[in-house]
Amino acid sequence: MTRKRGEHGVIILTAVFFIAFTILTSNLFRIAVEQKNVAAAATEGTFTLQVGECQGTVYDRNIRPLINSDTKLLAAAVPLALDRESTAEYAIDKEKFLTEFDKGLPFVFECTDKALESDGLTIFETPVRYSERQPARHVIGYLSDNKGADGIEYAYDQLLRGDIPQNSVSYNTDGFGHILIGDGKKVFRSTAYKRGVVLTIDKDIQKICEDCGKGINTGAIVIADIKSGEILGMASFPSYDPDKLTDAIEDSRCPLIDRALYSYSVGSVFKLVTAAAALEQGMGGFQYICTGTTEVEGKSFNCHKLDGHGIQGISEAMTNSCNTFFIELARSLDMGKFRRKASNLGFGKENYLCASITGSGGVLPTEKELSVPAELANFAFGQGRLTATPLQITQLTCGIANRGKMPELSLVKGLTADGSAVSGERRSRLYTVMTEDDAESLRKMMIKAVRENENSKAKGKKMSVGAKTSTAQTGHYNAKGEELCHAWITGFFPVRQPKYAVTVLIENGGYGNDAAAPVFRNIADRIKELGDKEH
């Protein structure tokens, strides 16, 4: 069947009309949608760019920042308002700047101090979280996914990062969202980084800890105010880089461990506790002839001086660190009262400083365990099952130097909203752990242990000190078959008006007098120099 020419024309005209109608309808729909979107953009009218990240600060006792102490310059850039090449000269990373610039969208880059502000460039001075030589690394802790994962960063995560207004710059935009240069901009420079946590740490004393402990492979140093118990310095060795945590995890020395919080075999430092128990029980006049060895139910215990010290009183035995004297002294004491004395002096009890920073309670043998004569003999001079932390030993020294009143150790002084005033400060808690007379007797023993020991390496050149060293056996041996020993010293200074208690632990460091005492001496001399400068 054939169609007439007129019919073909009608069909073609109808098709053309249909196509035109379809296109027109589509365009009308698209225009309607675009107009709706344009209205939304016009309603918003601004574009805001956040610059850097502002977080709260951790301060020392004198409101000096321990973090956020360094700054860098960040610039908010609007490409359409800037010359590409001349602005690139201000960029720290020029290649990265050019890549971002060519995208045509506003962006942030780190710049030099040569950069000048303009309509298209806004410069902010922003804190750098951690410095290259970050002090109090183990105390501060570190972040994971921008959340506190350890230390103060973890304990005060919400305060340091929650609801903190950020640096920003806002630009007016046209109906299509394009930034209107020359139409003004609103700049917000946050000061919220000033809020934060104030520690008892003294930044200068913390630096002394870390400097004097540089040669320590593994160990810890704690310095406290003997009257308040406030921790002025606390360092663990080795340290670590928070930006290289994988390296720290793989390090066989376990640098992420805060060794100030961990318990170790104590050794002869514990003779101070044995002496305190003896004084309390009226045994201060006890004497013993050291021949170099003594037997306890068939088991021999040797003194470090194999030919013996001869006749020893309690003060001479402390100076000579005579093991056999203290073994025989302990056998003459009421064992239950002896153990309670150790407990009252903080052994077996945790030192809670804040969430995530708690010193181990260590091991204080039970009365049942101490009823075994050999265990009591070991206990008398700090060996056997007994373990304690550098914190506990420092607290003991505080109690002796502070006339029998032992303070509770503290690390957090309070909070600050503006980096100036401190709120929420807590009063020091003091516990009477011995009489003033007994404390004075122990204090004199520690002074004599340094002064009357011609081999003592704790004698300061600039500061008079009282101290007691330890060489704590561990029961572990090196490849040569030599027993590994922890080197300890704890002491106080100045002698006449004690202010500081210091404990040094060097894990597997050998003899206390050889390894720990020189570190203690350097700390005392450096603090004396610091005091002279302040006055």
Protein backbone atom coordinates (compact mmCIF):
# COMPACT_ATOMS: atom_id res chain seq x y z
CA MET A 1 0.00 0.00 0.00
CA THR A 2 1.39 3.42 -0.94
CA ARG A 3 0.99 6.67 0.90
CA LYS A 4 0.20 10.01 -0.66
CA ARG A 5 2.84 12.73 -0.60
CA GLY A 6 0.65 14.85 1.74
CA GLU A 7 0.44 12.08 4.26
CA HIS A 8 4.22 11.83 4.41
CA GLY A 9 4.44 15.54 5.13
CA VAL A 10 1.95 15.30 7.98
CA ILE A 11 3.90 12.42 9.55
CA ILE A 12 7.22 14.29 9.31
CA LEU A 13 5.70 17.49 10.68
CA THR A 14 4.15 15.59 13.59
CA ALA A 15 7.51 13.94 14.44
CA VAL A 16 9.35 17.25 14.35
CA PHE A 17 6.75 18.81 16.62
CA PHE A 18 7.00 15.90 19.08
CA ILE A 19 10.78 16.12 19.24
CA ALA A 20 10.69 19.90 19.71
CA PHE A 21 8.09 19.53 22.47
CA THR A 22 10.22 16.92 24.25
CA ILE A 23 13.36 19.11 24.15
CA LEU A 24 11.42 22.16 25.36
CA THR A 25 9.91 20.23 28.24
CA SER A 26 13.34 18.90 29.27
CA ASN A 27 14.88 22.35 29.20
CA LEU A 28 12.05 23.80 31.28
CA PHE A 29 12.59 21.02 33.88
CA ARG A 30 16.35 21.64 33.92
CA ILE A 31 15.87 25.40 34.34
CA ALA A 32 13.45 24.83 37.19
CA VAL A 33 15.92 22.57 38.98
CA GLU A 34 18.82 24.99 38.44
CA GLN A 35 16.76 27.87 39.76
CA LYS A 36 15.97 25.84 42.86
CA ASN A 37 19.68 25.14 43.38
CA VAL A 38 20.62 28.75 42.76
CA ALA A 39 18.16 29.80 45.41
CA ALA A 40 19.76 27.42 47.90
CA ALA A 41 23.27 28.75 47.13
CA ALA A 42 22.11 32.30 47.42
CA THR A 43 20.51 31.52 50.75
CA GLU A 44 23.80 30.13 52.14
CA GLY A 45 25.83 33.08 50.79
CA THR A 46 29.20 32.11 52.43
CA PHE A 47 32.09 29.71 52.05
CA THR A 48 34.11 28.83 55.20
CA LEU A 49 37.60 27.34 55.24
CA GLN A 50 39.02 25.80 58.44
CA VAL A 51 42.71 26.51 58.93
CA GLY A 52 44.82 24.01 60.89
CA GLU A 53 43.64 22.24 64.01
CA CYS A 54 43.44 23.83 67.43
CA GLN A 55 43.86 21.60 70.52
CA GLY A 56 44.22 22.37 74.21
CA THR A 57 47.61 22.66 75.89
CA VAL A 58 49.41 20.78 78.66
CA TYR A 59 51.30 23.19 80.93
CA ASP A 60 53.97 22.89 83.59
CA ARG A 61 53.44 24.18 87.14
CA ASN A 62 54.41 27.72 86.09
CA ILE A 63 51.94 27.76 83.17
CA ARG A 64 54.65 27.20 80.59
CA PRO A 65 53.49 25.01 77.70
CA LEU A 66 54.94 21.51 77.55
CA ILE A 67 53.22 21.04 74.18
CA ASN A 68 51.97 23.63 71.67
CA SER A 69 55.12 25.58 72.56
CA ASP A 70 56.24 26.01 68.94
CA THR A 71 54.20 27.61 66.14
CA LYS A 72 53.97 27.55 62.36
CA LEU A 73 52.29 29.81 59.77
CA LEU A 74 49.34 28.56 57.74
CA ALA A 75 47.75 30.55 54.93
CA ALA A 76 44.23 30.29 53.54
CA ALA A 77 44.45 30.91 49.78
CA VAL A 78 41.79 31.76 47.16
CA PRO A 79 43.40 30.96 43.75
CA LEU A 80 41.26 33.31 41.62
CA ALA A 81 42.52 36.27 43.69
CA LEU A 82 46.23 35.38 43.67
CA ASP A 83 49.15 35.30 41.29
CA ARG A 84 50.21 31.65 41.03
CA GLU A 85 53.98 32.03 40.72
CA SER A 86 54.60 34.90 43.14
CA THR A 87 52.46 33.33 45.88
CA ALA A 88 54.22 29.98 45.43
CA GLU A 89 57.42 31.64 46.64
CA TYR A 90 55.90 31.81 50.13
CA ALA A 91 55.07 28.09 50.30
CA ILE A 92 57.15 25.71 52.43
CA ASP A 93 56.23 22.90 50.01
CA LYS A 94 56.09 24.62 46.60
CA GLU A 95 55.16 21.51 44.59
CA LYS A 96 52.21 20.73 46.82
CA PHE A 97 51.12 24.37 46.69
CA LEU A 98 51.05 24.41 42.87
CA THR A 99 49.05 21.17 42.74
CA GLU A 100 46.41 22.58 45.08
CA PHE A 101 46.40 25.98 43.39
CA ASP A 102 45.65 24.47 39.99
CA LYS A 103 42.49 22.82 41.33
CA GLY A 104 41.03 26.32 41.54
CA LEU A 105 39.43 25.84 44.95
CA PRO A 106 40.33 27.61 48.22
CA PHE A 107 42.96 25.68 50.19
CA VAL A 108 45.42 25.90 53.09
CA PHE A 109 49.21 25.74 52.86
CA GLU A 110 52.14 26.25 55.23
CA CYS A 111 53.97 29.46 54.45
CA THR A 112 57.07 31.42 55.42
CA ASP A 113 57.06 34.61 57.45
CA LYS A 114 57.56 36.55 54.20
CA ALA A 115 53.94 36.02 53.16
CA LEU A 116 51.70 39.10 53.31
CA GLU A 117 47.95 39.12 53.81
CA SER A 118 45.63 40.24 51.01
CA ASP A 119 42.01 39.71 49.97
CA GLY A 120 42.95 36.26 48.70
CA LEU A 121 45.51 35.30 51.38
CA THR A 122 44.82 35.07 55.13
CA ILE A 123 47.65 34.05 57.48
CA PHE A 124 47.31 32.28 60.83
CA GLU A 125 49.98 31.52 63.45
CA THR A 126 49.07 28.06 64.76
CA PRO A 127 50.57 25.88 67.55
CA VAL A 128 52.64 22.80 66.68
CA ARG A 129 51.48 19.94 68.91
CA TYR A 130 54.84 18.33 69.64
CA SER A 131 58.28 19.89 69.39
CA GLU A 132 61.40 18.14 68.12
CA ARG A 133 62.68 17.68 71.68
CA GLN A 134 59.35 17.08 73.37
CA PRO A 135 59.73 17.14 77.20
CA ALA A 136 57.91 14.67 79.47
CA ARG A 137 57.18 12.36 76.55
CA HIS A 138 55.86 9.47 78.67
CA VAL A 139 53.78 11.78 80.86
CA ILE A 140 52.19 13.63 77.92
CA GLY A 141 51.42 10.44 75.95
CA TYR A 142 50.39 10.37 72.32
CA LEU A 143 47.43 10.43 69.91
CA SER A 144 45.88 7.77 67.72
CA ASP A 145 43.40 8.86 65.04
CA ASN A 146 43.50 12.29 66.67
CA LYS A 147 42.32 10.93 70.01
CA GLY A 148 44.31 10.63 73.20
CA ALA A 149 45.72 7.11 73.43
CA ASP A 150 48.06 7.35 76.40
CA GLY A 151 49.19 9.59 79.26
CA ILE A 152 47.68 13.03 79.82
CA GLU A 153 46.49 13.09 76.19
CA TYR A 154 44.24 10.13 77.04
CA ALA A 155 43.22 11.17 80.55
CA TYR A 156 42.08 14.63 79.41
CA ASP A 157 41.09 13.86 75.83
CA GLN A 158 37.70 15.60 76.02
CA LEU A 159 39.13 18.76 77.57
CA LEU A 160 42.00 18.99 75.09
CA ARG A 161 39.98 18.26 71.94
CA GLY A 162 36.24 18.45 72.62
CA ASP A 163 34.17 21.43 71.44
CA ILE A 164 37.16 23.59 70.61
CA PRO A 165 36.44 26.36 68.03
CA GLN A 166 38.89 26.26 65.12
CA ASN A 167 40.67 28.95 63.11
CA SER A 168 38.62 29.83 60.05
CA VAL A 169 38.05 32.38 57.30
CA SER A 170 34.64 32.95 55.65
CA TYR A 171 34.00 34.54 52.25
CA ASN A 172 30.77 35.85 50.72
CA THR A 173 29.59 33.95 47.63
CA ASP A 174 27.34 34.69 44.68
CA GLY A 175 24.24 32.70 43.78
CA PHE A 176 26.37 30.01 42.15
CA GLY A 177 28.70 29.61 45.13
CA HIS A 178 31.56 31.58 43.60
CA ILE A 179 33.67 33.51 46.11
CA LEU A 180 33.23 37.26 45.86
CA ILE A 181 36.68 38.83 46.24
CA GLY A 182 36.61 42.42 47.46
CA ASP A 183 33.30 41.82 49.21
CA GLY A 184 34.99 41.31 52.58
CA LYS A 185 35.91 38.23 54.59
CA LYS A 186 35.40 37.19 58.19
CA VAL A 187 38.45 35.85 60.01
CA PHE A 188 38.21 33.90 63.28
CA ARG A 189 41.44 33.34 65.17
CA SER A 190 40.87 30.77 67.90
CA THR A 191 42.49 31.17 71.30
CA ALA A 192 40.93 27.96 72.63
CA TYR A 193 44.37 26.31 72.55
CA LYS A 194 45.11 28.24 75.74
CA ARG A 195 42.80 26.06 77.77
CA GLY A 196 44.19 22.84 79.14
CA VAL A 197 45.79 20.87 81.97
CA VAL A 198 48.36 22.24 84.42
CA LEU A 199 50.81 19.64 85.74
CA THR A 200 53.02 19.72 88.83
CA ILE A 201 56.01 19.16 86.51
CA ASP A 202 58.62 21.93 86.42
CA LYS A 203 59.81 22.32 82.83
CA ASP A 204 63.38 23.16 83.87
CA ILE A 205 63.65 20.25 86.31
CA GLN A 206 62.11 17.92 83.74
CA LYS A 207 64.83 18.96 81.31
CA ILE A 208 67.47 18.25 83.96
CA CYS A 209 66.00 14.75 84.40
CA GLU A 210 66.15 14.07 80.70
CA ASP A 211 69.61 15.58 80.18
CA CYS A 212 71.19 13.77 83.14
CA GLY A 213 69.55 10.50 82.11
CA LYS A 214 70.75 10.56 78.50
CA GLY A 215 73.22 7.76 79.15
CA ILE A 216 70.58 5.44 80.66
CA ASN A 217 69.70 2.60 78.32
CA THR A 218 66.57 1.58 80.24
CA GLY A 219 65.41 3.12 83.51
CA ALA A 220 63.66 6.04 85.15
CA ILE A 221 64.15 9.21 87.20
CA VAL A 222 61.59 10.76 89.56
CA ILE A 223 61.94 14.09 91.39
CA ALA A 224 59.34 15.26 93.91
CA ASP A 225 58.79 18.11 96.35
CA ILE A 226 59.20 16.43 99.76
CA LYS A 227 56.54 18.54 101.48
CA SER A 228 53.75 18.50 98.90
CA GLY A 229 54.52 15.27 97.05
CA GLU A 230 54.17 17.15 93.76
CA ILE A 231 56.16 15.45 91.03
CA LEU A 232 58.56 18.01 89.58
CA GLY A 233 60.20 15.71 87.05
CA MET A 234 59.47 12.21 85.81
CA ALA A 235 61.38 10.65 82.94
CA SER A 236 61.54 7.15 81.50
CA PHE A 237 64.31 5.84 79.28
CA PRO A 238 64.51 5.28 76.39
CA SER A 239 62.09 7.83 75.00
CA TYR A 240 60.23 7.56 71.68
CA ASP A 241 58.94 9.59 68.74
CA PRO A 242 55.10 9.75 68.66
CA ASP A 243 55.27 10.05 64.87
CA LYS A 244 57.19 6.75 64.66
CA LEU A 245 55.25 4.47 66.98
CA THR A 246 55.94 1.44 64.80
CA ASP A 247 59.66 1.88 65.43
CA ALA A 248 58.98 2.12 69.16
CA ILE A 249 56.88 -1.06 69.13
CA GLU A 250 59.63 -2.95 67.34
CA ASP A 251 62.39 -1.67 69.66
CA SER A 252 63.49 -4.49 71.98
CA ARG A 253 63.99 -1.95 74.80
CA CYS A 254 60.20 -1.32 74.87
CA PRO A 255 60.39 2.52 74.92
CA LEU A 256 56.59 2.91 75.22
CA ILE A 257 56.79 1.56 78.79
CA ASP A 258 56.89 4.26 81.46
CA ARG A 259 59.40 2.67 83.80
CA ALA A 260 58.65 5.15 86.59
CA LEU A 261 55.35 3.28 86.99
CA TYR A 262 56.76 -0.27 86.85
CA SER A 263 57.95 -2.32 89.80
CA TYR A 264 61.41 -3.84 90.15
CA SER A 265 63.53 -5.70 92.67
CA VAL A 266 64.51 -3.07 95.21
CA GLY A 267 67.66 -4.16 97.01
CA SER A 268 69.40 -2.20 99.77
CA VAL A 269 67.22 0.92 99.51
CA PHE A 270 64.70 -1.14 101.47
CA LYS A 271 67.10 -1.21 104.43
CA LEU A 272 65.63 2.21 105.24
CA VAL A 273 62.31 0.47 105.90
CA THR A 274 63.94 -2.23 108.03
CA ALA A 275 65.68 0.50 110.03
CA ALA A 276 62.39 2.41 110.40
CA ALA A 277 60.69 -0.70 111.78
CA ALA A 278 63.59 -1.27 114.19
CA LEU A 279 63.43 2.31 115.48
CA GLU A 280 59.68 2.02 115.96
CA GLN A 281 60.11 -1.20 117.92
CA GLY A 282 62.85 0.24 120.13
CA MET A 283 65.67 -1.67 118.44
CA GLY A 284 67.70 1.33 117.36
CA GLY A 285 70.59 0.24 119.58
CA PHE A 286 70.90 -3.21 117.98
CA GLN A 287 74.49 -4.33 117.30
CA TYR A 288 75.90 -7.24 115.35
CA ILE A 289 79.36 -8.55 114.42
CA CYS A 290 79.47 -9.02 110.63
CA THR A 291 81.86 -11.81 109.62
CA GLY A 292 80.86 -11.71 105.97
CA THR A 293 78.22 -14.43 106.12
CA THR A 294 75.31 -15.64 108.22
CA GLU A 295 73.17 -18.76 108.15
CA VAL A 296 69.38 -18.91 108.32
CA GLU A 297 68.13 -22.46 108.86
CA GLY A 298 70.97 -23.96 106.88
CA LYS A 299 70.97 -21.37 104.08
CA SER A 300 73.97 -19.05 103.82
CA PHE A 301 73.58 -15.32 103.15
CA ASN A 302 76.69 -13.34 102.23
CA CYS A 303 77.57 -9.74 102.82
CA HIS A 304 79.05 -7.89 99.85
CA LYS A 305 82.22 -7.50 101.99
CA LEU A 306 83.29 -11.12 102.12
CA ASP A 307 85.64 -10.69 105.10
CA GLY A 308 82.95 -8.86 107.06
CA HIS A 309 82.45 -5.39 108.52
CA GLY A 310 83.06 -6.31 112.17
CA ILE A 311 80.95 -4.72 114.91
CA GLN A 312 78.09 -2.75 113.40
CA GLY A 313 75.44 -0.46 114.84
CA ILE A 314 72.43 0.51 112.74
CA SER A 315 74.00 3.73 111.43
CA GLU A 316 77.31 2.07 110.50
CA ALA A 317 75.44 -0.81 108.87
CA MET A 318 73.48 1.68 106.73
CA THR A 319 76.68 3.42 105.62
CA ASN A 320 78.35 0.09 104.85
CA SER A 321 75.12 -1.41 103.46
CA CYS A 322 75.79 -4.53 105.52
CA ASN A 323 73.38 -7.28 104.46
CA THR A 324 74.03 -9.65 107.34
CA PHE A 325 73.39 -6.92 109.92
CA PHE A 326 69.93 -6.24 108.52
CA ILE A 327 69.14 -9.95 108.25
CA GLU A 328 69.89 -10.44 111.94
CA LEU A 329 68.08 -7.20 112.82
CA ALA A 330 64.93 -8.38 111.00
CA ARG A 331 65.01 -11.70 112.86
CA SER A 332 64.83 -9.74 116.11
CA LEU A 333 61.75 -7.74 115.04
CA ASP A 334 58.05 -8.49 115.34
CA MET A 335 57.48 -9.68 111.78
CA GLY A 336 53.83 -8.56 111.60
CA LYS A 337 54.69 -5.02 112.72
CA PHE A 338 57.64 -5.00 110.33
CA ARG A 339 55.40 -5.81 107.37
CA ARG A 340 52.77 -3.26 108.45
CA LYS A 341 55.51 -0.65 108.59
CA ALA A 342 56.39 -1.38 104.97
CA SER A 343 52.72 -1.15 104.03
CA ASN A 344 52.31 2.19 105.86
CA LEU A 345 55.30 3.48 103.91
CA GLY A 346 53.51 2.78 100.62
CA PHE A 347 54.81 -0.65 99.61
CA GLY A 348 52.19 -2.87 97.99
CA LYS A 349 50.01 0.17 97.19
CA GLU A 350 49.40 1.81 93.82
CA ASN A 351 50.21 5.46 93.18
CA TYR A 352 47.23 6.85 91.24
CA LEU A 353 48.22 10.03 89.42
CA CYS A 354 45.39 10.28 86.87
CA ALA A 355 43.49 8.04 84.45
CA SER A 356 46.02 5.90 82.54
CA ILE A 357 48.94 6.98 84.78
CA THR A 358 49.05 4.74 87.84
CA GLY A 359 52.16 3.39 89.49
CA SER A 360 52.11 -0.34 90.14
CA GLY A 361 51.64 -1.49 93.72
CA GLY A 362 54.51 -3.90 93.27
CA VAL A 363 54.77 -6.96 95.52
CA LEU A 364 54.75 -6.82 99.31
CA PRO A 365 55.12 -10.39 100.64
CA THR A 366 52.33 -11.65 102.88
CA GLU A 367 52.83 -12.46 106.56
CA LYS A 368 52.55 -16.13 105.67
CA GLU A 369 55.35 -15.80 103.14
CA LEU A 370 57.49 -13.84 105.59
CA SER A 371 57.00 -16.55 108.20
CA VAL A 372 59.52 -18.56 106.15
CA PRO A 373 62.91 -17.55 107.69
CA ALA A 374 64.75 -17.37 104.36
CA GLU A 375 62.05 -15.15 102.86
CA LEU A 376 62.23 -12.82 105.86
CA ALA A 377 66.02 -12.70 105.49
CA ASN A 378 65.70 -11.64 101.84
CA PHE A 379 63.00 -9.13 102.75
CA ALA A 380 65.29 -7.49 105.33
CA PHE A 381 67.62 -6.16 102.63
CA GLY A 382 65.10 -5.71 99.83
CA GLN A 383 65.42 -8.98 97.94
CA GLY A 384 63.17 -12.01 97.43
CA ARG A 385 59.61 -11.43 96.27
CA LEU A 386 59.61 -7.73 97.17
CA THR A 387 59.24 -5.28 94.25
CA ALA A 388 58.53 -1.54 94.12
CA THR A 389 58.37 1.35 91.67
CA PRO A 390 60.56 4.48 91.49
CA LEU A 391 57.43 6.37 92.58
CA GLN A 392 57.10 4.33 95.79
CA ILE A 393 60.78 4.73 96.63
CA THR A 394 60.54 8.50 96.06
CA GLN A 395 57.51 8.68 98.34
CA LEU A 396 59.45 6.82 101.04
CA THR A 397 62.28 9.35 100.80
CA CYS A 398 59.78 12.21 101.03
CA GLY A 399 58.44 10.76 104.29
CA ILE A 400 61.92 10.52 105.81
CA ALA A 401 63.06 13.99 104.68
CA ASN A 402 59.75 15.59 105.70
CA ARG A 403 60.03 14.67 109.37
CA GLY A 404 57.88 11.57 109.22
CA LYS A 405 55.00 13.07 107.25
CA MET A 406 54.75 11.29 103.91
CA PRO A 407 52.85 13.14 101.14
CA GLU A 408 50.65 11.53 98.56
CA LEU A 409 52.38 11.93 95.19
CA SER A 410 50.57 14.05 92.61
CA LEU A 411 51.06 14.93 88.95
CA VAL A 412 48.10 17.18 88.03
CA LYS A 413 47.94 20.62 89.61
CA GLY A 414 44.65 21.75 88.07
CA LEU A 415 42.94 23.04 84.92
CA THR A 416 43.05 26.36 83.11
CA ALA A 417 40.56 28.01 80.80
CA ASP A 418 42.82 30.79 79.56
CA GLY A 419 46.44 29.68 80.07
CA SER A 420 46.72 32.01 83.06
CA ALA A 421 44.52 31.17 86.05
CA VAL A 422 44.46 27.65 87.53
CA SER A 423 41.31 26.12 88.94
CA GLY A 424 40.56 22.90 90.78
CA GLU A 425 43.87 22.76 92.66
CA ARG A 426 43.97 19.98 95.22
CA ARG A 427 45.55 20.29 98.64
CA SER A 428 48.43 18.01 99.50
CA ARG A 429 47.60 14.98 101.60
CA LEU A 430 50.10 14.10 104.30
CA TYR A 431 50.27 10.87 106.30
CA THR A 432 52.23 10.51 109.51
CA VAL A 433 54.29 7.35 108.94
CA MET A 434 56.87 7.70 111.73
CA THR A 435 57.82 10.00 114.58
CA GLU A 436 59.94 13.09 113.95
CA ASP A 437 62.74 11.53 115.98
CA ASP A 438 62.74 8.33 113.92
CA ALA A 439 62.64 10.33 110.68
CA GLU A 440 65.54 12.47 111.90
CA SER A 441 67.56 9.33 112.72
CA LEU A 442 66.97 7.92 109.23
CA ARG A 443 67.77 11.27 107.63
CA LYS A 444 71.11 11.35 109.46
CA MET A 445 71.84 7.78 108.36
CA MET A 446 71.33 8.78 104.72
CA ILE A 447 73.60 11.79 105.13
CA LYS A 448 76.33 9.66 106.72
CA ALA A 449 75.91 7.01 104.01
CA VAL A 450 77.26 9.63 101.58
CA ARG A 451 79.55 11.75 103.74
CA GLU A 452 81.32 8.93 105.58
CA ASN A 453 81.64 6.65 102.58
CA GLU A 454 84.85 7.69 100.86
CA ASN A 455 83.81 5.67 97.80
CA SER A 456 80.41 7.31 97.44
CA LYS A 457 79.81 8.72 93.97
CA ALA A 458 76.70 10.57 95.13
CA LYS A 459 78.68 13.41 96.71
CA GLY A 460 77.76 16.60 94.92
CA LYS A 461 80.26 19.31 94.10
CA LYS A 462 77.72 22.04 94.70
CA MET A 463 74.94 20.44 96.78
CA SER A 464 75.05 18.53 100.08
CA VAL A 465 72.91 15.38 99.91
CA GLY A 466 71.67 12.38 101.84
CA ALA A 467 71.14 9.15 99.91
CA LYS A 468 71.03 5.35 99.86
CA THR A 469 72.10 3.15 96.94
CA SER A 470 71.04 -0.35 95.88
CA THR A 471 72.36 -3.11 93.72
CA ALA A 472 69.26 -5.27 93.35
CA GLN A 473 69.71 -8.86 92.22
CA THR A 474 67.23 -10.02 89.57
CA GLY A 475 67.91 -13.75 89.19
CA HIS A 476 68.55 -13.20 85.48
CA TYR A 477 71.92 -13.69 83.81
CA ASN A 478 73.65 -12.42 80.67
CA ALA A 479 75.42 -14.49 78.04
CA LYS A 480 78.59 -14.48 80.15
CA GLY A 481 76.78 -16.00 83.10
CA GLU A 482 76.89 -12.74 85.09
CA GLU A 483 73.81 -11.87 87.13
CA LEU A 484 71.95 -8.78 85.98
CA CYS A 485 71.34 -6.24 88.74
CA HIS A 486 69.24 -3.08 88.88
CA ALA A 487 71.13 0.03 90.00
CA TRP A 488 69.19 2.30 92.38
CA ILE A 489 69.74 5.42 94.39
CA THR A 490 67.25 7.53 96.33
CA GLY A 491 68.03 10.64 98.28
CA PHE A 492 67.20 14.22 99.22
CA PHE A 493 68.76 17.68 99.23
CA PRO A 494 69.72 20.23 100.44
CA VAL A 495 70.74 18.54 103.69
CA ARG A 496 69.79 21.37 106.09
CA GLN A 497 66.42 22.21 104.58
CA PRO A 498 65.42 19.28 102.38
CA LYS A 499 63.27 20.25 99.41
CA TYR A 500 63.78 17.62 96.72
CA ALA A 501 63.50 13.83 96.79
CA VAL A 502 65.16 12.07 93.85
CA THR A 503 65.16 8.44 92.77
CA VAL A 504 67.21 7.02 89.91
CA LEU A 505 66.68 3.48 88.60
CA ILE A 506 68.87 1.96 85.91
CA GLU A 507 67.45 -1.35 84.79
CA ASN A 508 70.18 -4.01 84.60
CA GLY A 509 72.62 -1.17 85.27
CA GLY A 510 74.89 -2.98 87.71
CA TYR A 511 76.11 -1.38 90.94
CA GLY A 512 74.04 1.46 92.33
CA ASN A 513 77.08 3.45 93.41
CA ASP A 514 78.74 3.11 90.00
CA ALA A 515 75.74 3.59 87.69
CA ALA A 516 72.95 5.46 89.51
CA ALA A 517 74.87 7.62 92.03
CA PRO A 518 76.69 9.77 89.39
CA VAL A 519 73.33 10.55 87.74
CA PHE A 520 71.88 11.55 91.12
CA ARG A 521 74.91 13.77 91.81
CA ASN A 522 74.58 15.54 88.46
CA ILE A 523 70.89 16.17 89.08
CA ALA A 524 71.60 17.71 92.50
CA ASP A 525 74.32 19.98 91.08
CA ARG A 526 72.16 21.05 88.12
CA ILE A 527 69.23 21.92 90.39
CA LYS A 528 71.61 23.94 92.57
CA GLU A 529 72.74 25.86 89.47
CA LEU A 530 69.11 26.38 88.50
CA GLY A 531 68.33 27.83 91.93
CA ASP A 532 71.34 30.15 91.75
CA LYS A 533 70.14 31.52 88.40
CA GLU A 534 66.63 32.14 89.74
CA HIS A 535 68.04 34.19 92.59
